[in-house]
Amino acid sequence: MKFKFAAVSLISVLMTACGGGGDDGPKAPASPPVAASSSPEGRWTSKGDNGVSTVMTVLEDGEIWSSYSREEEIGHIHGSASTEGDALTFKLMDANFVTRSIYEFDLNGAVTPQVSLQIKSGERLSQTLNYDRTYDQPAQVEVLAGQYTGVAHSYSYKSSSNDSGVETADSSKSTGGASTSIKFSDAESTVEISDKGEVTLTSDKDCSASGTITPRATGKNVLDVAMVLKGSACLLEDGANLKGIATYDAEAGKVRIQTLDESKAKGLSFTANKTK
């Protein structure tokens, strides 16, 4: 199913990251040759000239967890990457927490392992991300230990068909017999992580979460997250089980937690700097 929303989404962020956006804009240079059948696994980062910051983690099985920000715009991306020969394909879901929109789309790309990852829209180069070698360092839970204060973003969506009409967030609409429902919620929150990997989230609403953060078996610098929500004010139902990943930027003292429920249609994301 594809939702094409009028609100700004990752596709526009990517296009403006290289100065594009319209058909009359400058064309991107030809892509450099890349190795065939290359794995896109790794952590990839980019900061465009217009201030768009992207952090993308591609796991060993091709699962993608990513976030982007630009001024007051912030979003969560989940999806998958697959390769066939030298072709790299992305299937992505973009939840934009400021415009409160959700957009599902496919992109193509190319990868030079542990060097660069290119994302394209059609034949145009949208963005080039550089490999972050901290991905190859063993994850250490004790490094994340501490307190983080920021905003927890939650969202949910569902559709009864493959409708491709325009929708706005926090709404329900019927088009040609198809209905789509989208909801977003933000809450000032505090996350505490112990040196044993115990994680708790408390918010200014009656919604909390608890669970664990543990290193992945791959030995890479990414951790698995499992949490259970509790509270009457949670956008996602009380008792919802969420799973995802956590990454830590040691230089900035910033943790990124991205989770989804089993349906992949309900999620919670939290990004914040360490305060204690």
C-alpha atoms as a PDB file:
ATOM      1  CA  MET A   1       0.000   0.000   0.000  1.00  0.00           C
ATOM      2  CA  LYS A   2       1.185   3.498  -0.758  1.00  0.00           C
ATOM      3  CA  PHE A   3       0.031   6.675   0.964  1.00  0.00           C
ATOM      4  CA  LYS A   4       0.817   9.849  -0.976  1.00  0.00           C
ATOM      5  CA  PHE A   5       0.403  12.738   1.420  1.00  0.00           C
ATOM      6  CA  ALA A   6       0.462  16.425   0.645  1.00  0.00           C
ATOM      7  CA  ALA A   7       2.756  17.053   3.628  1.00  0.00           C
ATOM      8  CA  VAL A   8       6.534  17.170   3.273  1.00  0.00           C
ATOM      9  CA  SER A   9       8.137  13.737   3.575  1.00  0.00           C
ATOM     10  CA  LEU A  10      11.539  12.139   3.260  1.00  0.00           C
ATOM     11  CA  ILE A  11      11.379  12.224  -0.519  1.00  0.00           C
ATOM     12  CA  SER A  12      11.382  16.041  -0.482  1.00  0.00           C
ATOM     13  CA  VAL A  13      14.075  16.119   2.192  1.00  0.00           C
ATOM     14  CA  LEU A  14      16.288  13.897   0.056  1.00  0.00           C
ATOM     15  CA  MET A  15      15.706  15.897  -3.107  1.00  0.00           C
ATOM     16  CA  THR A  16      16.483  19.228  -1.451  1.00  0.00           C
ATOM     17  CA  ALA A  17      19.534  17.715   0.203  1.00  0.00           C
ATOM     18  CA  CYS A  18      21.278  17.813  -3.162  1.00  0.00           C
ATOM     19  CA  GLY A  19      19.710  21.056  -4.321  1.00  0.00           C
ATOM     20  CA  GLY A  20      16.996  19.409  -6.468  1.00  0.00           C
ATOM     21  CA  GLY A  21      13.249  19.268  -6.135  1.00  0.00           C
ATOM     22  CA  GLY A  22      11.835  20.464  -9.449  1.00  0.00           C
ATOM     23  CA  ASP A  23      12.148  19.255 -13.008  1.00  0.00           C
ATOM     24  CA  ASP A  24      13.909  22.493 -13.932  1.00  0.00           C
ATOM     25  CA  GLY A  25      16.577  22.155 -11.242  1.00  0.00           C
ATOM     26  CA  PRO A  26      20.178  21.136 -11.862  1.00  0.00           C
ATOM     27  CA  LYS A  27      20.692  17.478 -12.664  1.00  0.00           C
ATOM     28  CA  ALA A  28      22.871  15.367 -10.403  1.00  0.00           C
ATOM     29  CA  PRO A  29      26.178  14.097 -11.806  1.00  0.00           C
ATOM     30  CA  ALA A  30      26.399  10.534 -13.015  1.00  0.00           C
ATOM     31  CA  SER A  31      26.844   7.979 -10.254  1.00  0.00           C
ATOM     32  CA  PRO A  32      30.334   6.480  -9.883  1.00  0.00           C
ATOM     33  CA  PRO A  33      30.769   2.748 -10.518  1.00  0.00           C
ATOM     34  CA  VAL A  34      29.926   0.495  -7.579  1.00  0.00           C
ATOM     35  CA  ALA A  35      30.728  -3.099  -6.704  1.00  0.00           C
ATOM     36  CA  ALA A  36      28.189  -5.703  -7.786  1.00  0.00           C
ATOM     37  CA  SER A  37      26.205  -7.741  -5.255  1.00  0.00           C
ATOM     38  CA  SER A  38      27.431  -5.563  -2.393  1.00  0.00           C
ATOM     39  CA  SER A  39      25.806  -5.560   1.017  1.00  0.00           C
ATOM     40  CA  PRO A  40      24.482  -2.196   2.264  1.00  0.00           C
ATOM     41  CA  GLU A  41      24.915  -3.257   5.910  1.00  0.00           C
ATOM     42  CA  GLY A  42      26.293  -0.541   8.162  1.00  0.00           C
ATOM     43  CA  ARG A  43      25.595   2.860   9.644  1.00  0.00           C
ATOM     44  CA  TRP A  44      25.396   5.663   7.129  1.00  0.00           C
ATOM     45  CA  THR A  45      25.259   9.399   7.824  1.00  0.00           C
ATOM     46  CA  SER A  46      24.828  12.567   5.846  1.00  0.00           C
ATOM     47  CA  LYS A  47      24.433  16.262   6.471  1.00  0.00           C
ATOM     48  CA  GLY A  48      23.419  18.242   3.409  1.00  0.00           C
ATOM     49  CA  ASP A  49      24.230  21.848   2.605  1.00  0.00           C
ATOM     50  CA  ASN A  50      20.717  22.840   3.709  1.00  0.00           C
ATOM     51  CA  GLY A  51      21.158  21.280   7.151  1.00  0.00           C
ATOM     52  CA  VAL A  52      19.416  17.955   6.559  1.00  0.00           C
ATOM     53  CA  SER A  53      20.948  15.376   8.901  1.00  0.00           C
ATOM     54  CA  THR A  54      20.327  11.687   8.218  1.00  0.00           C
ATOM     55  CA  VAL A  55      21.422   8.654  10.221  1.00  0.00           C
ATOM     56  CA  MET A  56      20.594   5.303   8.634  1.00  0.00           C
ATOM     57  CA  THR A  57      21.374   1.863  10.045  1.00  0.00           C
ATOM     58  CA  VAL A  58      21.086  -1.114   7.708  1.00  0.00           C
ATOM     59  CA  LEU A  59      21.235  -4.394   9.611  1.00  0.00           C
ATOM     60  CA  GLU A  60      22.781  -7.630   8.384  1.00  0.00           C
ATOM     61  CA  ASP A  61      19.390  -8.870   7.142  1.00  0.00           C
ATOM     62  CA  GLY A  62      18.667  -5.670   5.182  1.00  0.00           C
ATOM     63  CA  GLU A  63      16.266  -4.141   7.730  1.00  0.00           C
ATOM     64  CA  ILE A  64      16.525  -0.346   7.797  1.00  0.00           C
ATOM     65  CA  TRP A  65      16.103   1.973  10.766  1.00  0.00           C
ATOM     66  CA  SER A  66      16.723   5.645  10.069  1.00  0.00           C
ATOM     67  CA  SER A  67      15.974   9.149  11.276  1.00  0.00           C
ATOM     68  CA  TYR A  68      16.355  12.578   9.714  1.00  0.00           C
ATOM     69  CA  SER A  69      16.089  16.154  10.892  1.00  0.00           C
ATOM     70  CA  ARG A  70      16.136  19.618   9.387  1.00  0.00           C
ATOM     71  CA  GLU A  71      15.543  22.687  11.522  1.00  0.00           C
ATOM     72  CA  GLU A  72      12.183  21.865  13.138  1.00  0.00           C
ATOM     73  CA  GLU A  73      11.518  18.841  10.944  1.00  0.00           C
ATOM     74  CA  ILE A  74      12.162  15.341  12.294  1.00  0.00           C
ATOM     75  CA  GLY A  75      11.147  11.932  11.035  1.00  0.00           C
ATOM     76  CA  HIS A  76      11.485   8.179  11.504  1.00  0.00           C
ATOM     77  CA  ILE A  77      12.078   5.721   8.685  1.00  0.00           C
ATOM     78  CA  HIS A  78      11.716   1.957   8.655  1.00  0.00           C
ATOM     79  CA  GLY A  79      12.007  -0.444   5.776  1.00  0.00           C
ATOM     80  CA  SER A  80      14.273  -2.847   3.969  1.00  0.00           C
ATOM     81  CA  ALA A  81      17.078  -2.927   1.436  1.00  0.00           C
ATOM     82  CA  SER A  82      17.574  -5.749  -1.042  1.00  0.00           C
ATOM     83  CA  THR A  83      20.146  -6.410  -3.737  1.00  0.00           C
ATOM     84  CA  GLU A  84      19.965  -8.261  -7.022  1.00  0.00           C
ATOM     85  CA  GLY A  85      23.191  -8.151  -8.960  1.00  0.00           C
ATOM     86  CA  ASP A  86      24.356  -4.559  -8.787  1.00  0.00           C
ATOM     87  CA  ALA A  87      20.812  -3.230  -8.215  1.00  0.00           C
ATOM     88  CA  LEU A  88      19.921  -1.940  -4.746  1.00  0.00           C
ATOM     89  CA  THR A  89      16.259  -1.367  -3.885  1.00  0.00           C
ATOM     90  CA  PHE A  90      14.757   0.348  -0.846  1.00  0.00           C
ATOM     91  CA  LYS A  91      11.184  -0.124   0.420  1.00  0.00           C
ATOM     92  CA  LEU A  92      10.602   2.566   3.024  1.00  0.00           C
ATOM     93  CA  MET A  93       7.968   3.982   5.355  1.00  0.00           C
ATOM     94  CA  ASP A  94       8.513   7.590   6.425  1.00  0.00           C
ATOM     95  CA  ALA A  95       6.717   8.982   9.517  1.00  0.00           C
ATOM     96  CA  ASN A  96       7.223  12.753   9.719  1.00  0.00           C
ATOM     97  CA  PHE A  97       6.552  13.923  13.284  1.00  0.00           C
ATOM     98  CA  VAL A  98       6.232  17.621  12.435  1.00  0.00           C
ATOM     99  CA  THR A  99       3.988  17.479   9.377  1.00  0.00           C
ATOM    100  CA  ARG A 100       2.252  14.437  10.951  1.00  0.00           C
ATOM    101  CA  SER A 101       2.228  12.496   7.727  1.00  0.00           C
ATOM    102  CA  ILE A 102       3.143   8.986   6.643  1.00  0.00           C
ATOM    103  CA  TYR A 103       4.475   8.113   3.222  1.00  0.00           C
ATOM    104  CA  GLU A 104       5.379   4.700   1.828  1.00  0.00           C
ATOM    105  CA  PHE A 105       7.583   4.555  -1.250  1.00  0.00           C
ATOM    106  CA  ASP A 106      10.296   2.672  -3.129  1.00  0.00           C
ATOM    107  CA  LEU A 107      13.695   4.060  -4.096  1.00  0.00           C
ATOM    108  CA  ASN A 108      16.754   2.624  -5.783  1.00  0.00           C
ATOM    109  CA  GLY A 109      20.396   3.133  -5.059  1.00  0.00           C
ATOM    110  CA  ALA A 110      23.947   1.849  -5.108  1.00  0.00           C
ATOM    111  CA  VAL A 111      26.544   1.033  -2.485  1.00  0.00           C
ATOM    112  CA  THR A 112      30.304   1.020  -2.233  1.00  0.00           C
ATOM    113  CA  PRO A 113      30.792  -1.176   0.853  1.00  0.00           C
ATOM    114  CA  GLN A 114      32.013   0.709   3.925  1.00  0.00           C
ATOM    115  CA  VAL A 115      32.463   3.869   1.828  1.00  0.00           C
ATOM    116  CA  SER A 116      29.238   5.382   0.516  1.00  0.00           C
ATOM    117  CA  LEU A 117      25.558   4.653   0.004  1.00  0.00           C
ATOM    118  CA  GLN A 118      23.647   6.426  -2.753  1.00  0.00           C
ATOM    119  CA  ILE A 119      19.881   6.866  -2.706  1.00  0.00           C
ATOM    120  CA  LYS A 120      18.111   7.799  -5.918  1.00  0.00           C
ATOM    121  CA  SER A 121      14.660   8.896  -7.002  1.00  0.00           C
ATOM    122  CA  GLY A 122      14.256   7.561 -10.519  1.00  0.00           C
ATOM    123  CA  GLU A 123      17.440   8.374 -12.378  1.00  0.00           C
ATOM    124  CA  ARG A 124      18.316  11.343 -10.177  1.00  0.00           C
ATOM    125  CA  LEU A 125      20.772  11.155  -7.317  1.00  0.00           C
ATOM    126  CA  SER A 126      18.921  12.224  -4.172  1.00  0.00           C
ATOM    127  CA  GLN A 127      21.475  11.781  -1.432  1.00  0.00           C
ATOM    128  CA  THR A 128      24.862  10.244  -0.721  1.00  0.00           C
ATOM    129  CA  LEU A 129      25.501   8.926   2.775  1.00  0.00           C
ATOM    130  CA  ASN A 130      28.957   8.151   4.142  1.00  0.00           C
ATOM    131  CA  TYR A 131      29.904   5.078   6.114  1.00  0.00           C
ATOM    132  CA  ASP A 132      30.249   5.553   9.886  1.00  0.00           C
ATOM    133  CA  ARG A 133      33.039   3.257  11.052  1.00  0.00           C
ATOM    134  CA  THR A 134      31.811   3.319  14.634  1.00  0.00           C
ATOM    135  CA  TYR A 135      29.330   0.677  13.414  1.00  0.00           C
ATOM    136  CA  ASP A 136      32.175  -1.847  13.467  1.00  0.00           C
ATOM    137  CA  GLN A 137      32.974  -1.273  17.138  1.00  0.00           C
ATOM    138  CA  PRO A 138      31.423  -3.689  19.679  1.00  0.00           C
ATOM    139  CA  ALA A 139      28.304  -2.297  21.345  1.00  0.00           C
ATOM    140  CA  GLN A 140      28.648  -1.576  25.060  1.00  0.00           C
ATOM    141  CA  VAL A 141      25.491  -1.099  27.113  1.00  0.00           C
ATOM    142  CA  GLU A 142      27.402   0.613  29.904  1.00  0.00           C
ATOM    143  CA  VAL A 143      28.336   3.421  27.502  1.00  0.00           C
ATOM    144  CA  LEU A 144      24.649   4.266  27.100  1.00  0.00           C
ATOM    145  CA  ALA A 145      23.973   4.161  30.843  1.00  0.00           C
ATOM    146  CA  GLY A 146      22.461   7.413  32.069  1.00  0.00           C
ATOM    147  CA  GLN A 147      19.419   9.659  31.802  1.00  0.00           C
ATOM    148  CA  TYR A 148      18.066  11.277  28.659  1.00  0.00           C
ATOM    149  CA  THR A 149      15.352  13.922  28.446  1.00  0.00           C
ATOM    150  CA  GLY A 150      13.499  14.718  25.232  1.00  0.00           C
ATOM    151  CA  VAL A 151      10.320  14.030  23.269  1.00  0.00           C
ATOM    152  CA  ALA A 152       8.923  10.559  22.607  1.00  0.00           C
ATOM    153  CA  HIS A 153       7.033  10.427  19.309  1.00  0.00           C
ATOM    154  CA  SER A 154       4.332   7.791  18.745  1.00  0.00           C
ATOM    155  CA  TYR A 155       2.257   7.056  15.667  1.00  0.00           C
ATOM    156  CA  SER A 156      -0.156   4.513  14.228  1.00  0.00           C
ATOM    157  CA  TYR A 157      -1.800   4.048  10.857  1.00  0.00           C
ATOM    158  CA  LYS A 158      -3.974   1.573   9.038  1.00  0.00           C
ATOM    159  CA  SER A 159      -5.626   1.243   5.659  1.00  0.00           C
ATOM    160  CA  SER A 160      -8.348  -1.070   4.398  1.00  0.00           C
ATOM    161  CA  SER A 161      -7.034  -1.168   0.823  1.00  0.00           C
ATOM    162  CA  ASN A 162      -4.289  -0.017  -1.510  1.00  0.00           C
ATOM    163  CA  ASP A 163      -5.755   3.452  -1.763  1.00  0.00           C
ATOM    164  CA  SER A 164      -3.252   6.019  -3.020  1.00  0.00           C
ATOM    165  CA  GLY A 165      -5.227   9.158  -2.299  1.00  0.00           C
ATOM    166  CA  VAL A 166      -4.106  12.207  -0.373  1.00  0.00           C
ATOM    167  CA  GLU A 167      -4.596  12.210   3.381  1.00  0.00           C
ATOM    168  CA  THR A 168      -3.794  14.484   6.285  1.00  0.00           C
ATOM    169  CA  ALA A 169      -2.510  13.258   9.609  1.00  0.00           C
ATOM    170  CA  ASP A 170      -4.544  12.686  12.776  1.00  0.00           C
ATOM    171  CA  SER A 171      -7.583  11.995  10.620  1.00  0.00           C
ATOM    172  CA  SER A 172      -9.772   9.354   9.065  1.00  0.00           C
ATOM    173  CA  LYS A 173     -10.993   9.547   5.506  1.00  0.00           C
ATOM    174  CA  SER A 174     -12.821   7.367   3.023  1.00  0.00           C
ATOM    175  CA  THR A 175     -11.970   7.472  -0.674  1.00  0.00           C
ATOM    176  CA  GLY A 176     -13.593   5.112  -3.148  1.00  0.00           C
ATOM    177  CA  GLY A 177     -14.534   2.666  -0.419  1.00  0.00           C
ATOM    178  CA  ALA A 178     -11.061   2.699   1.182  1.00  0.00           C
ATOM    179  CA  SER A 179     -10.356   4.169   4.591  1.00  0.00           C
ATOM    180  CA  THR A 180      -7.098   5.310   6.161  1.00  0.00           C
ATOM    181  CA  SER A 181      -6.536   6.299   9.779  1.00  0.00           C
ATOM    182  CA  ILE A 182      -3.409   8.093  11.017  1.00  0.00           C
ATOM    183  CA  LYS A 183      -2.631   9.265  14.542  1.00  0.00           C
ATOM    184  CA  PHE A 184       0.385  10.941  16.119  1.00  0.00           C
ATOM    185  CA  SER A 185       1.260  11.790  19.714  1.00  0.00           C
ATOM    186  CA  ASP A 186       4.201  13.581  21.349  1.00  0.00           C
ATOM    187  CA  ALA A 187       5.167  13.516  25.017  1.00  0.00           C
ATOM    188  CA  GLU A 188       7.967  15.123  27.009  1.00  0.00           C
ATOM    189  CA  SER A 189       9.790  12.074  28.304  1.00  0.00           C
ATOM    190  CA  THR A 190      12.748  10.841  30.306  1.00  0.00           C
ATOM    191  CA  VAL A 191      14.567   7.633  29.460  1.00  0.00           C
ATOM    192  CA  GLU A 192      16.857   5.957  31.962  1.00  0.00           C
ATOM    193  CA  ILE A 193      19.257   3.205  30.937  1.00  0.00           C
ATOM    194  CA  SER A 194      21.159   1.149  33.509  1.00  0.00           C
ATOM    195  CA  ASP A 195      24.596  -0.335  32.958  1.00  0.00           C
ATOM    196  CA  LYS A 196      22.853  -3.745  32.905  1.00  0.00           C
ATOM    197  CA  GLY A 197      20.652  -2.748  29.965  1.00  0.00           C
ATOM    198  CA  GLU A 198      17.437  -2.057  31.840  1.00  0.00           C
ATOM    199  CA  VAL A 199      15.487   0.770  30.198  1.00  0.00           C
ATOM    200  CA  THR A 200      12.532   2.769  31.511  1.00  0.00           C
ATOM    201  CA  LEU A 201      10.598   5.591  29.890  1.00  0.00           C
ATOM    202  CA  THR A 202       8.405   8.009  31.820  1.00  0.00           C
ATOM    203  CA  SER A 203       6.446  10.902  30.343  1.00  0.00           C
ATOM    204  CA  ASP A 204       4.336  13.897  31.289  1.00  0.00           C
ATOM    205  CA  LYS A 205       1.300  11.797  30.373  1.00  0.00           C
ATOM    206  CA  ASP A 206      -0.035   8.558  31.838  1.00  0.00           C
ATOM    207  CA  CYS A 207       2.191   6.523  29.551  1.00  0.00           C
ATOM    208  CA  SER A 208       5.403   4.742  30.442  1.00  0.00           C
ATOM    209  CA  ALA A 209       7.506   1.884  29.128  1.00  0.00           C
ATOM    210  CA  SER A 210      10.038  -0.562  30.457  1.00  0.00           C
ATOM    211  CA  GLY A 211      12.255  -3.188  28.925  1.00  0.00           C
ATOM    212  CA  THR A 212      15.775  -4.044  27.917  1.00  0.00           C
ATOM    213  CA  ILE A 213      18.577  -2.851  25.647  1.00  0.00           C
ATOM    214  CA  THR A 214      21.040  -5.571  24.657  1.00  0.00           C
ATOM    215  CA  PRO A 215      23.896  -5.882  22.124  1.00  0.00           C
ATOM    216  CA  ARG A 216      23.041  -7.742  18.924  1.00  0.00           C
ATOM    217  CA  ALA A 217      24.662 -11.105  18.304  1.00  0.00           C
ATOM    218  CA  THR A 218      26.496  -9.665  15.289  1.00  0.00           C
ATOM    219  CA  GLY A 219      28.892  -7.786  17.565  1.00  0.00           C
ATOM    220  CA  LYS A 220      28.273  -4.547  15.673  1.00  0.00           C
ATOM    221  CA  ASN A 221      27.661  -1.205  17.359  1.00  0.00           C
ATOM    222  CA  VAL A 222      23.875  -1.445  17.451  1.00  0.00           C
ATOM    223  CA  LEU A 223      21.632  -2.719  20.219  1.00  0.00           C
ATOM    224  CA  ASP A 224      18.280  -4.499  20.289  1.00  0.00           C
ATOM    225  CA  VAL A 225      15.437  -2.830  22.207  1.00  0.00           C
ATOM    226  CA  ALA A 226      12.347  -4.534  23.647  1.00  0.00           C
ATOM    227  CA  MET A 227       9.791  -2.500  25.611  1.00  0.00           C
ATOM    228  CA  VAL A 228       6.245  -2.861  26.930  1.00  0.00           C
ATOM    229  CA  LEU A 229       3.993   0.202  27.156  1.00  0.00           C
ATOM    230  CA  LYS A 230       1.811   0.904  30.161  1.00  0.00           C
ATOM    231  CA  GLY A 231      -0.752   3.646  30.757  1.00  0.00           C
ATOM    232  CA  SER A 232      -4.157   4.944  29.735  1.00  0.00           C
ATOM    233  CA  ALA A 233      -2.719   7.927  27.830  1.00  0.00           C
ATOM    234  CA  CYS A 234      -0.536   5.894  25.453  1.00  0.00           C
ATOM    235  CA  LEU A 235      -1.421   6.379  21.794  1.00  0.00           C
ATOM    236  CA  LEU A 236      -0.476   2.730  21.352  1.00  0.00           C
ATOM    237  CA  GLU A 237      -2.537   0.442  23.528  1.00  0.00           C
ATOM    238  CA  ASP A 238      -1.650  -0.387  27.113  1.00  0.00           C
ATOM    239  CA  GLY A 239       0.516  -3.511  27.100  1.00  0.00           C
ATOM    240  CA  ALA A 240       1.796  -3.033  23.549  1.00  0.00           C
ATOM    241  CA  ASN A 241       5.060  -4.852  22.851  1.00  0.00           C
ATOM    242  CA  LEU A 242       7.603  -2.790  20.917  1.00  0.00           C
ATOM    243  CA  LYS A 243      10.869  -3.962  19.389  1.00  0.00           C
ATOM    244  CA  GLY A 244      13.576  -2.117  17.532  1.00  0.00           C
ATOM    245  CA  ILE A 245      17.097  -0.798  17.851  1.00  0.00           C
ATOM    246  CA  ALA A 246      19.113   1.742  19.813  1.00  0.00           C
ATOM    247  CA  THR A 247      22.243   3.541  18.654  1.00  0.00           C
ATOM    248  CA  TYR A 248      24.485   5.907  20.534  1.00  0.00           C
ATOM    249  CA  ASP A 249      26.513   8.861  19.282  1.00  0.00           C
ATOM    250  CA  ALA A 250      29.307   9.047  21.866  1.00  0.00           C
ATOM    251  CA  GLU A 251      30.675  12.336  20.544  1.00  0.00           C
ATOM    252  CA  ALA A 252      27.329  14.096  20.908  1.00  0.00           C
ATOM    253  CA  GLY A 253      26.143  12.033  23.892  1.00  0.00           C
ATOM    254  CA  LYS A 254      22.954  11.265  21.987  1.00  0.00           C
ATOM    255  CA  VAL A 255      20.828   8.108  22.054  1.00  0.00           C
ATOM    256  CA  ARG A 256      18.406   7.127  19.281  1.00  0.00           C
ATOM    257  CA  ILE A 257      15.706   4.565  20.039  1.00  0.00           C
ATOM    258  CA  GLN A 258      13.354   3.406  17.287  1.00  0.00           C
ATOM    259  CA  THR A 259      10.704   0.727  17.861  1.00  0.00           C
ATOM    260  CA  LEU A 260       7.673  -0.804  16.177  1.00  0.00           C
ATOM    261  CA  ASP A 261       5.000  -3.274  17.190  1.00  0.00           C
ATOM    262  CA  GLU A 262       4.527  -6.615  15.429  1.00  0.00           C
ATOM    263  CA  SER A 263       2.243  -5.086  12.792  1.00  0.00           C
ATOM    264  CA  LYS A 264       4.938  -2.535  11.802  1.00  0.00           C
ATOM    265  CA  ALA A 265       2.131   0.041  11.665  1.00  0.00           C
ATOM    266  CA  LYS A 266       2.586   1.413  15.194  1.00  0.00           C
ATOM    267  CA  GLY A 267       5.808   2.905  16.461  1.00  0.00           C
ATOM    268  CA  LEU A 268       7.598   4.928  19.102  1.00  0.00           C
ATOM    269  CA  SER A 269      10.823   6.892  18.590  1.00  0.00           C
ATOM    270  CA  PHE A 270      12.969   8.784  21.049  1.00  0.00           C
ATOM    271  CA  THR A 271      16.103  10.847  20.369  1.00  0.00           C
ATOM    272  CA  ALA A 272      17.792  12.906  23.063  1.00  0.00           C
ATOM    273  CA  ASN A 273      21.113  13.955  24.561  1.00  0.00           C
ATOM    274  CA  LYS A 274      22.325  12.533  27.838  1.00  0.00           C
ATOM    275  CA  THR A 275      21.442  14.791  30.766  1.00  0.00           C
ATOM    276  CA  LYS A 276      22.920  12.725  33.617  1.00  0.00           C
END
